[in-house]
Amino acid sequence: MVVSSKGRYALRVMVELAAAPRGEYQPLARISEGQGISEKYLEAIFAPLAKAGFVEGQRGKNGGYRLTRPAKDYTVGSILRLTEKTLAPVSCMAEGAPACGRAGQCTTRAMWRGLDRLINGYFDGITLQDLAEGRLPPAAGG
Protein backbone atom coordinates (compact mmCIF):
# COMPACT_ATOMS: atom_id res chain seq x y z
CA MET A 1 0.00 0.00 0.00
CA VAL A 2 1.29 3.40 -0.98
CA VAL A 3 -0.63 6.46 0.16
CA SER A 4 -0.86 9.00 -2.67
CA SER A 5 -0.18 12.70 -2.33
CA LYS A 6 -3.95 13.22 -2.43
CA GLY A 7 -4.37 11.04 0.66
CA ARG A 8 -1.46 12.65 2.50
CA TYR A 9 -2.64 16.16 1.67
CA ALA A 10 -6.23 15.31 2.65
CA LEU A 11 -4.97 14.27 6.08
CA ARG A 12 -2.91 17.44 6.42
CA VAL A 13 -5.80 19.76 5.59
CA MET A 14 -8.22 17.83 7.78
CA VAL A 15 -5.79 18.15 10.70
CA GLU A 16 -5.52 21.88 9.99
CA LEU A 17 -9.31 22.18 10.09
CA ALA A 18 -9.37 20.14 13.31
CA ALA A 19 -6.88 22.53 14.93
CA ALA A 20 -8.91 25.60 13.91
CA PRO A 21 -11.54 27.10 16.23
CA ARG A 22 -14.63 24.87 16.08
CA GLY A 23 -17.23 26.05 13.59
CA GLU A 24 -15.05 28.68 11.89
CA TYR A 25 -14.60 28.45 8.15
CA GLN A 26 -10.97 28.40 7.07
CA PRO A 27 -10.31 30.24 3.80
CA LEU A 28 -8.93 28.11 0.97
CA ALA A 29 -6.19 30.68 0.33
CA ARG A 30 -4.99 30.44 3.94
CA ILE A 31 -4.97 26.64 3.84
CA SER A 32 -3.14 26.72 0.51
CA GLU A 33 -0.47 29.05 1.86
CA GLY A 34 -0.08 27.21 5.16
CA GLN A 35 0.15 23.77 3.60
CA GLY A 36 2.06 24.69 0.43
CA ILE A 37 -0.63 23.11 -1.75
CA SER A 38 -2.13 24.92 -4.74
CA GLU A 39 -5.72 26.10 -4.39
CA LYS A 40 -6.67 24.12 -7.51
CA TYR A 41 -5.33 20.88 -6.01
CA LEU A 42 -7.02 21.68 -2.69
CA GLU A 43 -10.35 22.03 -4.49
CA ALA A 44 -9.85 18.51 -5.91
CA ILE A 45 -9.08 17.24 -2.40
CA PHE A 46 -12.03 18.99 -0.74
CA ALA A 47 -14.56 17.85 -3.37
CA PRO A 48 -14.76 14.19 -2.24
CA LEU A 49 -14.45 15.22 1.42
CA ALA A 50 -17.45 17.53 1.00
CA LYS A 51 -19.41 14.96 -1.01
CA ALA A 52 -18.89 12.42 1.79
CA GLY A 53 -20.03 14.98 4.38
CA PHE A 54 -16.63 15.23 6.11
CA VAL A 55 -16.38 18.98 5.47
CA GLU A 56 -18.66 21.76 4.37
CA GLY A 57 -17.79 24.77 2.33
CA GLN A 58 -19.11 28.28 2.21
CA ARG A 59 -18.48 30.83 -0.50
CA GLY A 60 -18.01 34.53 0.02
CA LYS A 61 -16.10 36.92 2.22
CA ASN A 62 -16.17 34.73 5.35
CA GLY A 63 -16.13 31.51 3.37
CA GLY A 64 -13.87 28.52 3.34
CA TYR A 65 -14.11 25.01 4.75
CA ARG A 66 -14.81 23.51 8.14
CA LEU A 67 -15.37 20.08 9.65
CA THR A 68 -18.97 18.92 9.94
CA ARG A 69 -18.33 16.91 13.12
CA PRO A 70 -15.98 17.11 16.10
CA ALA A 71 -12.38 16.13 15.28
CA LYS A 72 -12.63 13.08 17.57
CA ASP A 73 -15.29 11.62 15.23
CA TYR A 74 -12.95 11.29 12.21
CA THR A 75 -10.38 8.53 11.94
CA VAL A 76 -7.32 8.52 9.75
CA GLY A 77 -8.64 5.27 8.30
CA SER A 78 -11.95 6.81 7.22
CA ILE A 79 -10.17 9.69 5.48
CA LEU A 80 -7.62 7.48 3.74
CA ARG A 81 -10.25 4.97 2.60
CA LEU A 82 -12.19 7.87 1.10
CA THR A 83 -9.22 9.32 -0.75
CA GLU A 84 -7.35 6.10 -1.55
CA LYS A 85 -10.38 3.82 -2.07
CA THR A 86 -8.55 1.02 -0.21
CA LEU A 87 -5.84 0.49 2.36
CA ALA A 88 -5.36 -3.13 1.32
CA PRO A 89 -1.72 -4.24 1.15
CA VAL A 90 -2.46 -6.46 -1.88
CA SER A 91 -5.18 -6.26 -4.52
CA CYS A 92 -6.94 -9.47 -3.48
CA MET A 93 -7.66 -7.92 -0.05
CA ALA A 94 -9.34 -4.82 -1.48
CA GLU A 95 -13.06 -4.53 -0.89
CA GLY A 96 -14.95 -5.57 -4.00
CA ALA A 97 -11.93 -7.33 -5.52
CA PRO A 98 -12.80 -10.27 -7.74
CA ALA A 99 -12.46 -13.66 -6.09
CA CYS A 100 -8.99 -15.07 -6.45
CA GLY A 101 -8.84 -18.49 -8.07
CA ARG A 102 -5.92 -19.42 -5.81
CA ALA A 103 -7.50 -18.31 -2.53
CA GLY A 104 -8.07 -21.91 -1.39
CA GLN A 105 -4.44 -22.91 -1.76
CA CYS A 106 -2.73 -19.55 -1.19
CA THR A 107 -0.12 -20.01 1.52
CA THR A 108 0.27 -16.26 2.04
CA ARG A 109 -3.41 -15.23 2.20
CA ALA A 110 -3.65 -15.36 6.00
CA MET A 111 -0.51 -13.22 6.28
CA TRP A 112 -1.96 -10.58 3.93
CA ARG A 113 -5.28 -10.66 5.78
CA GLY A 114 -3.43 -10.11 9.06
CA LEU A 115 -1.51 -7.16 7.62
CA ASP A 116 -4.75 -5.72 6.26
CA ARG A 117 -6.28 -5.92 9.75
CA LEU A 118 -3.19 -4.28 11.30
CA ILE A 119 -3.23 -1.40 8.80
CA ASN A 120 -6.94 -0.73 9.17
CA GLY A 121 -6.87 -1.17 12.94
CA TYR A 122 -3.93 1.19 13.34
CA PHE A 123 -5.41 3.93 11.14
CA ASP A 124 -8.88 3.50 12.64
CA GLY A 125 -7.34 3.99 16.09
CA ILE A 126 -6.06 7.48 15.29
CA THR A 127 -8.46 10.44 15.19
CA LEU A 128 -8.02 13.90 13.78
CA GLN A 129 -8.11 15.15 17.34
CA ASP A 130 -5.17 12.87 18.18
CA LEU A 131 -3.16 14.29 15.28
CA ALA A 132 -4.12 17.89 16.01
CA GLU A 133 -2.99 17.42 19.62
CA GLY A 134 0.17 15.51 18.68
CA ARG A 135 -0.98 12.23 20.27
CA LEU A 136 -0.12 9.06 18.38
CA PRO A 137 -0.45 5.45 19.42
CA PRO A 138 2.81 3.50 19.39
CA ALA A 139 3.57 1.72 16.13
CA ALA A 140 2.84 -1.98 16.13
CA GLY A 141 5.90 -3.87 17.24
CA GLY A 142 7.91 -0.80 18.05
C-alpha atoms as a PDB file:
ATOM      1  CA  MET A   1       0.000   0.000   0.000  1.00  0.00           C
ATOM      2  CA  VAL A   2       1.288   3.403  -0.985  1.00  0.00           C
ATOM      3  CA  VAL A   3      -0.629   6.458   0.157  1.00  0.00           C
ATOM      4  CA  SER A   4      -0.858   8.998  -2.666  1.00  0.00           C
ATOM      5  CA  SER A   5      -0.180  12.697  -2.327  1.00  0.00           C
ATOM      6  CA  LYS A   6      -3.946  13.224  -2.433  1.00  0.00           C
ATOM      7  CA  GLY A   7      -4.375  11.040   0.665  1.00  0.00           C
ATOM      8  CA  ARG A   8      -1.462  12.648   2.500  1.00  0.00           C
ATOM      9  CA  TYR A   9      -2.645  16.159   1.665  1.00  0.00           C
ATOM     10  CA  ALA A  10      -6.234  15.310   2.653  1.00  0.00           C
ATOM     11  CA  LEU A  11      -4.974  14.266   6.083  1.00  0.00           C
ATOM     12  CA  ARG A  12      -2.910  17.437   6.425  1.00  0.00           C
ATOM     13  CA  VAL A  13      -5.797  19.759   5.586  1.00  0.00           C
ATOM     14  CA  MET A  14      -8.221  17.833   7.783  1.00  0.00           C
ATOM     15  CA  VAL A  15      -5.786  18.150  10.699  1.00  0.00           C
ATOM     16  CA  GLU A  16      -5.515  21.880   9.987  1.00  0.00           C
ATOM     17  CA  LEU A  17      -9.312  22.181  10.088  1.00  0.00           C
ATOM     18  CA  ALA A  18      -9.366  20.142  13.311  1.00  0.00           C
ATOM     19  CA  ALA A  19      -6.878  22.532  14.927  1.00  0.00           C
ATOM     20  CA  ALA A  20      -8.910  25.603  13.909  1.00  0.00           C
ATOM     21  CA  PRO A  21     -11.543  27.100  16.226  1.00  0.00           C
ATOM     22  CA  ARG A  22     -14.633  24.868  16.081  1.00  0.00           C
ATOM     23  CA  GLY A  23     -17.227  26.047  13.589  1.00  0.00           C
ATOM     24  CA  GLU A  24     -15.052  28.676  11.891  1.00  0.00           C
ATOM     25  CA  TYR A  25     -14.603  28.448   8.147  1.00  0.00           C
ATOM     26  CA  GLN A  26     -10.974  28.398   7.071  1.00  0.00           C
ATOM     27  CA  PRO A  27     -10.313  30.237   3.795  1.00  0.00           C
ATOM     28  CA  LEU A  28      -8.930  28.109   0.972  1.00  0.00           C
ATOM     29  CA  ALA A  29      -6.192  30.682   0.328  1.00  0.00           C
ATOM     30  CA  ARG A  30      -4.993  30.444   3.944  1.00  0.00           C
ATOM     31  CA  ILE A  31      -4.974  26.637   3.840  1.00  0.00           C
ATOM     32  CA  SER A  32      -3.136  26.723   0.509  1.00  0.00           C
ATOM     33  CA  GLU A  33      -0.474  29.049   1.855  1.00  0.00           C
ATOM     34  CA  GLY A  34      -0.080  27.209   5.156  1.00  0.00           C
ATOM     35  CA  GLN A  35       0.153  23.770   3.596  1.00  0.00           C
ATOM     36  CA  GLY A  36       2.063  24.688   0.432  1.00  0.00           C
ATOM     37  CA  ILE A  37      -0.627  23.112  -1.755  1.00  0.00           C
ATOM     38  CA  SER A  38      -2.134  24.916  -4.744  1.00  0.00           C
ATOM     39  CA  GLU A  39      -5.724  26.097  -4.392  1.00  0.00           C
ATOM     40  CA  LYS A  40      -6.668  24.125  -7.507  1.00  0.00           C
ATOM     41  CA  TYR A  41      -5.335  20.880  -6.008  1.00  0.00           C
ATOM     42  CA  LEU A  42      -7.021  21.678  -2.687  1.00  0.00           C
ATOM     43  CA  GLU A  43     -10.349  22.026  -4.490  1.00  0.00           C
ATOM     44  CA  ALA A  44      -9.845  18.515  -5.910  1.00  0.00           C
ATOM     45  CA  ILE A  45      -9.083  17.243  -2.403  1.00  0.00           C
ATOM     46  CA  PHE A  46     -12.026  18.990  -0.745  1.00  0.00           C
ATOM     47  CA  ALA A  47     -14.564  17.846  -3.375  1.00  0.00           C
ATOM     48  CA  PRO A  48     -14.760  14.185  -2.236  1.00  0.00           C
ATOM     49  CA  LEU A  49     -14.447  15.221   1.416  1.00  0.00           C
ATOM     50  CA  ALA A  50     -17.451  17.527   1.003  1.00  0.00           C
ATOM     51  CA  LYS A  51     -19.410  14.960  -1.006  1.00  0.00           C
ATOM     52  CA  ALA A  52     -18.892  12.423   1.792  1.00  0.00           C
ATOM     53  CA  GLY A  53     -20.029  14.982   4.383  1.00  0.00           C
ATOM     54  CA  PHE A  54     -16.634  15.226   6.109  1.00  0.00           C
ATOM     55  CA  VAL A  55     -16.380  18.982   5.469  1.00  0.00           C
ATOM     56  CA  GLU A  56     -18.662  21.756   4.369  1.00  0.00           C
ATOM     57  CA  GLY A  57     -17.788  24.772   2.326  1.00  0.00           C
ATOM     58  CA  GLN A  58     -19.113  28.281   2.209  1.00  0.00           C
ATOM     59  CA  ARG A  59     -18.481  30.834  -0.503  1.00  0.00           C
ATOM     60  CA  GLY A  60     -18.008  34.531   0.018  1.00  0.00           C
ATOM     61  CA  LYS A  61     -16.103  36.924   2.222  1.00  0.00           C
ATOM     62  CA  ASN A  62     -16.172  34.729   5.347  1.00  0.00           C
ATOM     63  CA  GLY A  63     -16.130  31.510   3.370  1.00  0.00           C
ATOM     64  CA  GLY A  64     -13.872  28.520   3.341  1.00  0.00           C
ATOM     65  CA  TYR A  65     -14.107  25.008   4.745  1.00  0.00           C
ATOM     66  CA  ARG A  66     -14.805  23.510   8.144  1.00  0.00           C
ATOM     67  CA  LEU A  67     -15.371  20.083   9.649  1.00  0.00           C
ATOM     68  CA  THR A  68     -18.968  18.917   9.939  1.00  0.00           C
ATOM     69  CA  ARG A  69     -18.334  16.908  13.115  1.00  0.00           C
ATOM     70  CA  PRO A  70     -15.979  17.108  16.103  1.00  0.00           C
ATOM     71  CA  ALA A  71     -12.379  16.126  15.283  1.00  0.00           C
ATOM     72  CA  LYS A  72     -12.629  13.077  17.566  1.00  0.00           C
ATOM     73  CA  ASP A  73     -15.289  11.622  15.231  1.00  0.00           C
ATOM     74  CA  TYR A  74     -12.951  11.287  12.214  1.00  0.00           C
ATOM     75  CA  THR A  75     -10.383   8.534  11.939  1.00  0.00           C
ATOM     76  CA  VAL A  76      -7.317   8.525   9.747  1.00  0.00           C
ATOM     77  CA  GLY A  77      -8.640   5.267   8.300  1.00  0.00           C
ATOM     78  CA  SER A  78     -11.946   6.810   7.218  1.00  0.00           C
ATOM     79  CA  ILE A  79     -10.170   9.689   5.482  1.00  0.00           C
ATOM     80  CA  LEU A  80      -7.618   7.481   3.741  1.00  0.00           C
ATOM     81  CA  ARG A  81     -10.255   4.969   2.604  1.00  0.00           C
ATOM     82  CA  LEU A  82     -12.194   7.868   1.102  1.00  0.00           C
ATOM     83  CA  THR A  83      -9.216   9.321  -0.751  1.00  0.00           C
ATOM     84  CA  GLU A  84      -7.350   6.098  -1.554  1.00  0.00           C
ATOM     85  CA  LYS A  85     -10.384   3.822  -2.075  1.00  0.00           C
ATOM     86  CA  THR A  86      -8.553   1.020  -0.207  1.00  0.00           C
ATOM     87  CA  LEU A  87      -5.844   0.486   2.361  1.00  0.00           C
ATOM     88  CA  ALA A  88      -5.357  -3.129   1.319  1.00  0.00           C
ATOM     89  CA  PRO A  89      -1.723  -4.240   1.146  1.00  0.00           C
ATOM     90  CA  VAL A  90      -2.462  -6.460  -1.877  1.00  0.00           C
ATOM     91  CA  SER A  91      -5.180  -6.257  -4.515  1.00  0.00           C
ATOM     92  CA  CYS A  92      -6.936  -9.472  -3.478  1.00  0.00           C
ATOM     93  CA  MET A  93      -7.662  -7.919  -0.045  1.00  0.00           C
ATOM     94  CA  ALA A  94      -9.338  -4.816  -1.482  1.00  0.00           C
ATOM     95  CA  GLU A  95     -13.062  -4.527  -0.890  1.00  0.00           C
ATOM     96  CA  GLY A  96     -14.945  -5.567  -4.004  1.00  0.00           C
ATOM     97  CA  ALA A  97     -11.926  -7.328  -5.519  1.00  0.00           C
ATOM     98  CA  PRO A  98     -12.797 -10.274  -7.743  1.00  0.00           C
ATOM     99  CA  ALA A  99     -12.456 -13.661  -6.087  1.00  0.00           C
ATOM    100  CA  CYS A 100      -8.986 -15.072  -6.446  1.00  0.00           C
ATOM    101  CA  GLY A 101      -8.843 -18.487  -8.067  1.00  0.00           C
ATOM    102  CA  ARG A 102      -5.920 -19.416  -5.815  1.00  0.00           C
ATOM    103  CA  ALA A 103      -7.502 -18.310  -2.527  1.00  0.00           C
ATOM    104  CA  GLY A 104      -8.071 -21.910  -1.390  1.00  0.00           C
ATOM    105  CA  GLN A 105      -4.435 -22.907  -1.760  1.00  0.00           C
ATOM    106  CA  CYS A 106      -2.727 -19.548  -1.186  1.00  0.00           C
ATOM    107  CA  THR A 107      -0.123 -20.013   1.521  1.00  0.00           C
ATOM    108  CA  THR A 108       0.268 -16.259   2.041  1.00  0.00           C
ATOM    109  CA  ARG A 109      -3.406 -15.228   2.197  1.00  0.00           C
ATOM    110  CA  ALA A 110      -3.649 -15.357   6.001  1.00  0.00           C
ATOM    111  CA  MET A 111      -0.512 -13.215   6.283  1.00  0.00           C
ATOM    112  CA  TRP A 112      -1.961 -10.576   3.928  1.00  0.00           C
ATOM    113  CA  ARG A 113      -5.283 -10.658   5.778  1.00  0.00           C
ATOM    114  CA  GLY A 114      -3.433 -10.112   9.063  1.00  0.00           C
ATOM    115  CA  LEU A 115      -1.507  -7.158   7.615  1.00  0.00           C
ATOM    116  CA  ASP A 116      -4.748  -5.717   6.260  1.00  0.00           C
ATOM    117  CA  ARG A 117      -6.282  -5.918   9.753  1.00  0.00           C
ATOM    118  CA  LEU A 118      -3.192  -4.282  11.301  1.00  0.00           C
ATOM    119  CA  ILE A 119      -3.228  -1.401   8.797  1.00  0.00           C
ATOM    120  CA  ASN A 120      -6.937  -0.727   9.171  1.00  0.00           C
ATOM    121  CA  GLY A 121      -6.868  -1.172  12.943  1.00  0.00           C
ATOM    122  CA  TYR A 122      -3.927   1.191  13.338  1.00  0.00           C
ATOM    123  CA  PHE A 123      -5.405   3.931  11.140  1.00  0.00           C
ATOM    124  CA  ASP A 124      -8.879   3.502  12.639  1.00  0.00           C
ATOM    125  CA  GLY A 125      -7.337   3.985  16.094  1.00  0.00           C
ATOM    126  CA  ILE A 126      -6.061   7.483  15.290  1.00  0.00           C
ATOM    127  CA  THR A 127      -8.462  10.436  15.187  1.00  0.00           C
ATOM    128  CA  LEU A 128      -8.021  13.904  13.776  1.00  0.00           C
ATOM    129  CA  GLN A 129      -8.112  15.151  17.342  1.00  0.00           C
ATOM    130  CA  ASP A 130      -5.166  12.875  18.179  1.00  0.00           C
ATOM    131  CA  LEU A 131      -3.164  14.295  15.281  1.00  0.00           C
ATOM    132  CA  ALA A 132      -4.124  17.891  16.009  1.00  0.00           C
ATOM    133  CA  GLU A 133      -2.986  17.419  19.621  1.00  0.00           C
ATOM    134  CA  GLY A 134       0.175  15.511  18.685  1.00  0.00           C
ATOM    135  CA  ARG A 135      -0.975  12.225  20.266  1.00  0.00           C
ATOM    136  CA  LEU A 136      -0.116   9.060  18.383  1.00  0.00           C
ATOM    137  CA  PRO A 137      -0.450   5.446  19.417  1.00  0.00           C
ATOM    138  CA  PRO A 138       2.808   3.498  19.394  1.00  0.00           C
ATOM    139  CA  ALA A 139       3.567   1.722  16.128  1.00  0.00           C
ATOM    140  CA  ALA A 140       2.837  -1.980  16.125  1.00  0.00           C
ATOM    141  CA  GLY A 141       5.895  -3.874  17.243  1.00  0.00           C
ATOM    142  CA  GLY A 142       7.912  -0.802  18.050  1.00  0.00           C
END
